[in-house]
Amino acid sequence: MQRVDPITKECPPGSEPCSLKTSVENTICYPKSDHKEKCPIIDIKILPSAEANLKYKSYDKIPYFEDQVLLYTTTEMDSAPVTATQVEYKPCASPFEISKSPEKFYFELEVEKESTCKPLTGTQTVYDERYRDVGFSVTEWEVQNLSGVWQTLM
C-alpha cells in the first residue's frame, strides 16, 4: 500500500489514487492495473434493495438478507479504509468494553448486562467514532434463529 506524498500531495510515480473522492490523508495509491484487486473498501452499507438501487448506483452490491443488500465501495466516499467491523449497539472508545443497546434485555446472571461505555481516561470520549452505522438493524433473536442456535437448543 502506498500513500500520497505529504509535500507534493501526489501518488508515487507509477501509481494512481484508488479514489478521486478521498482527501489526501485518506488516499491510497496503487498502479492502475492493481486497483480492482488491491484498493481497500472505504464504505459499507446494508440497505433495502430499492433504496440501494436509487441512492448508491455506483456501489458494488451483494444480496444479503431477504430484501436487503450489502453495498461496498473502494471509490465513492472520503474515508480511510475499513479495517474492522463490529456487531453491537455502538462500539465503545475502550476496546475492553461492550456497548449495551437501550432496548436490550438481559438474563439476570449475564455478565454483560452491566456493560456500559465509560469515557476514556483523560477525555470525554465514550464511543469510538471511527465506526459508522451501516444502516441495518437485526435483533439478537434473528441472529440466533438464522444461525441455527435456536434449532440446536430445542
Protein backbone atom coordinates (compact mmCIF):
# COMPACT_ATOMS: atom_id res chain seq x y z
CA MET A 1 0.00 0.00 0.00
CA GLN A 2 1.31 3.42 -0.90
CA ARG A 3 0.22 6.80 0.41
CA VAL A 4 0.19 10.23 -1.16
CA ASP A 5 3.38 12.23 -0.69
CA PRO A 6 2.58 14.79 2.06
CA ILE A 7 4.53 17.55 0.30
CA THR A 8 3.51 17.11 -3.34
CA LYS A 9 0.09 15.64 -2.45
CA GLU A 10 0.53 13.18 -5.33
CA CYS A 11 0.81 9.42 -5.58
CA PRO A 12 4.28 7.95 -6.05
CA PRO A 13 5.40 7.50 -9.68
CA GLY A 14 3.74 4.54 -11.38
CA SER A 15 0.69 4.63 -9.13
CA GLU A 16 -2.68 6.39 -9.09
CA PRO A 17 -5.18 7.14 -6.32
CA CYS A 18 -7.73 4.38 -5.72
CA SER A 19 -10.37 7.09 -5.36
CA LEU A 20 -10.58 10.64 -6.66
CA LYS A 21 -13.04 11.46 -3.85
CA THR A 22 -10.73 10.87 -0.89
CA SER A 23 -8.81 13.59 0.90
CA VAL A 24 -5.01 13.50 0.92
CA GLU A 25 -4.89 11.80 4.34
CA ASN A 26 -7.31 9.08 3.21
CA THR A 27 -5.88 8.43 -0.26
CA ILE A 28 -4.31 5.06 -1.06
CA CYS A 29 -2.24 4.62 -4.23
CA TYR A 30 -1.60 1.56 -6.39
CA PRO A 31 -0.68 1.01 -10.02
CA LYS A 32 -3.87 1.35 -12.10
CA SER A 33 -3.65 -2.33 -13.11
CA ASP A 34 -3.87 -3.35 -9.41
CA HIS A 35 -6.87 -1.18 -8.45
CA LYS A 36 -9.57 -3.85 -8.73
CA GLU A 37 -7.58 -6.34 -6.68
CA LYS A 38 -5.82 -4.15 -4.12
CA CYS A 39 -7.76 -0.93 -3.47
CA PRO A 40 -9.36 -1.14 0.00
CA ILE A 41 -13.05 -0.93 0.79
CA ILE A 42 -13.76 2.53 2.21
CA ASP A 43 -17.50 2.29 2.89
CA ILE A 44 -20.00 -0.45 3.73
CA LYS A 45 -23.78 -0.18 3.99
CA ILE A 46 -26.67 -2.63 4.35
CA LEU A 47 -29.91 -1.29 2.91
CA PRO A 48 -33.17 -2.38 1.31
CA SER A 49 -32.60 -3.22 -2.37
CA ALA A 50 -34.90 -0.44 -3.62
CA GLU A 51 -33.10 2.27 -1.63
CA ALA A 52 -29.69 0.92 -2.61
CA ASN A 53 -30.58 0.99 -6.30
CA LEU A 54 -31.80 4.60 -6.06
CA LYS A 55 -29.12 6.18 -3.88
CA TYR A 56 -25.99 4.06 -4.36
CA LYS A 57 -25.89 3.08 -8.02
CA SER A 58 -22.10 3.14 -8.20
CA TYR A 59 -21.54 0.88 -5.16
CA ASP A 60 -20.94 -2.85 -5.60
CA LYS A 61 -23.87 -4.91 -4.30
CA ILE A 62 -24.18 -8.38 -2.79
CA PRO A 63 -27.56 -9.95 -1.85
CA TYR A 64 -27.62 -10.08 1.93
CA PHE A 65 -30.82 -10.85 3.81
CA GLU A 66 -34.36 -11.04 2.44
CA ASP A 67 -34.76 -7.76 0.51
CA GLN A 68 -31.50 -6.26 1.87
CA VAL A 69 -28.22 -5.84 0.01
CA LEU A 70 -24.71 -5.29 1.29
CA LEU A 71 -23.09 -2.39 -0.54
CA TYR A 72 -19.43 -1.54 -0.60
CA THR A 73 -17.14 0.81 -2.46
CA THR A 74 -13.46 1.47 -2.97
CA THR A 75 -14.03 4.85 -4.61
CA GLU A 76 -17.24 6.67 -3.65
CA MET A 77 -16.53 8.21 -0.24
CA ASP A 78 -13.87 10.23 1.56
CA SER A 79 -12.91 7.71 4.20
CA ALA A 80 -9.96 5.73 5.46
CA PRO A 81 -10.03 2.02 4.59
CA VAL A 82 -12.45 -0.17 6.56
CA THR A 83 -10.22 -2.33 8.74
CA ALA A 84 -12.70 -3.63 11.31
CA THR A 85 -16.40 -4.17 11.79
CA GLN A 86 -18.41 -4.64 14.96
CA VAL A 87 -21.84 -6.05 15.55
CA GLU A 88 -23.05 -4.15 18.56
CA TYR A 89 -25.07 -1.12 19.52
CA LYS A 90 -22.29 1.48 19.17
CA PRO A 91 -18.66 0.45 19.86
CA CYS A 92 -17.11 1.90 22.99
CA ALA A 93 -13.97 4.03 22.79
CA SER A 94 -12.29 1.48 25.05
CA PRO A 95 -11.77 -1.83 23.25
CA PHE A 96 -12.21 -3.62 26.59
CA GLU A 97 -15.87 -2.59 26.98
CA ILE A 98 -19.05 -3.66 25.17
CA SER A 99 -21.82 -1.19 24.49
CA LYS A 100 -25.35 -2.01 25.53
CA SER A 101 -28.36 -1.22 23.40
CA PRO A 102 -31.04 0.74 25.28
CA GLU A 103 -33.65 -1.80 24.11
CA LYS A 104 -31.62 -4.86 25.15
CA PHE A 105 -32.88 -7.10 27.94
CA TYR A 106 -30.52 -9.44 29.75
CA PHE A 107 -30.95 -12.59 31.75
CA GLU A 108 -30.20 -11.64 35.37
CA LEU A 109 -26.98 -13.67 35.56
CA GLU A 110 -25.41 -12.45 32.32
CA VAL A 111 -22.11 -10.69 32.96
CA GLU A 112 -22.55 -8.17 30.16
CA LYS A 113 -25.86 -6.83 31.50
CA GLU A 114 -23.89 -4.20 33.43
CA SER A 115 -21.86 -3.21 30.37
CA THR A 116 -21.85 0.45 29.56
CA CYS A 117 -19.29 2.58 27.80
CA LYS A 118 -17.28 4.80 30.10
CA PRO A 119 -15.23 7.83 28.99
CA LEU A 120 -11.59 7.12 28.19
CA THR A 121 -9.22 8.29 30.90
CA GLY A 122 -8.38 11.95 30.41
CA THR A 123 -11.05 12.50 27.75
CA GLN A 124 -14.78 12.67 27.42
CA THR A 125 -14.74 10.19 24.51
CA VAL A 126 -17.30 7.46 25.19
CA TYR A 127 -17.87 5.87 21.77
CA ASP A 128 -15.38 5.00 19.05
CA GLU A 129 -16.28 7.49 16.33
CA ARG A 130 -14.32 5.58 13.68
CA TYR A 131 -17.27 3.21 13.42
CA ARG A 132 -20.31 4.16 11.35
CA ASP A 133 -23.78 2.71 11.31
CA VAL A 134 -24.18 0.64 8.14
CA GLY A 135 -27.95 1.09 8.13
CA PHE A 136 -29.00 -2.43 9.08
CA SER A 137 -30.68 -3.49 12.27
CA VAL A 138 -31.05 -7.04 13.47
CA THR A 139 -32.27 -8.41 16.78
CA GLU A 140 -30.35 -10.95 18.82
CA TRP A 141 -33.22 -13.40 18.30
CA GLU A 142 -32.97 -13.04 14.50
CA VAL A 143 -29.23 -13.75 14.61
CA GLN A 144 -29.70 -16.79 16.83
CA ASN A 145 -32.63 -18.09 14.79
CA LEU A 146 -30.98 -17.63 11.38
CA SER A 147 -27.68 -19.13 12.56
CA GLY A 148 -29.41 -22.28 13.81
CA VAL A 149 -28.78 -21.70 17.53
CA TRP A 150 -32.48 -22.00 18.43
CA GLN A 151 -32.87 -25.23 16.47
CA THR A 152 -29.84 -26.67 18.26
CA LEU A 153 -31.17 -25.69 21.67
CA MET A 154 -34.65 -27.07 21.03
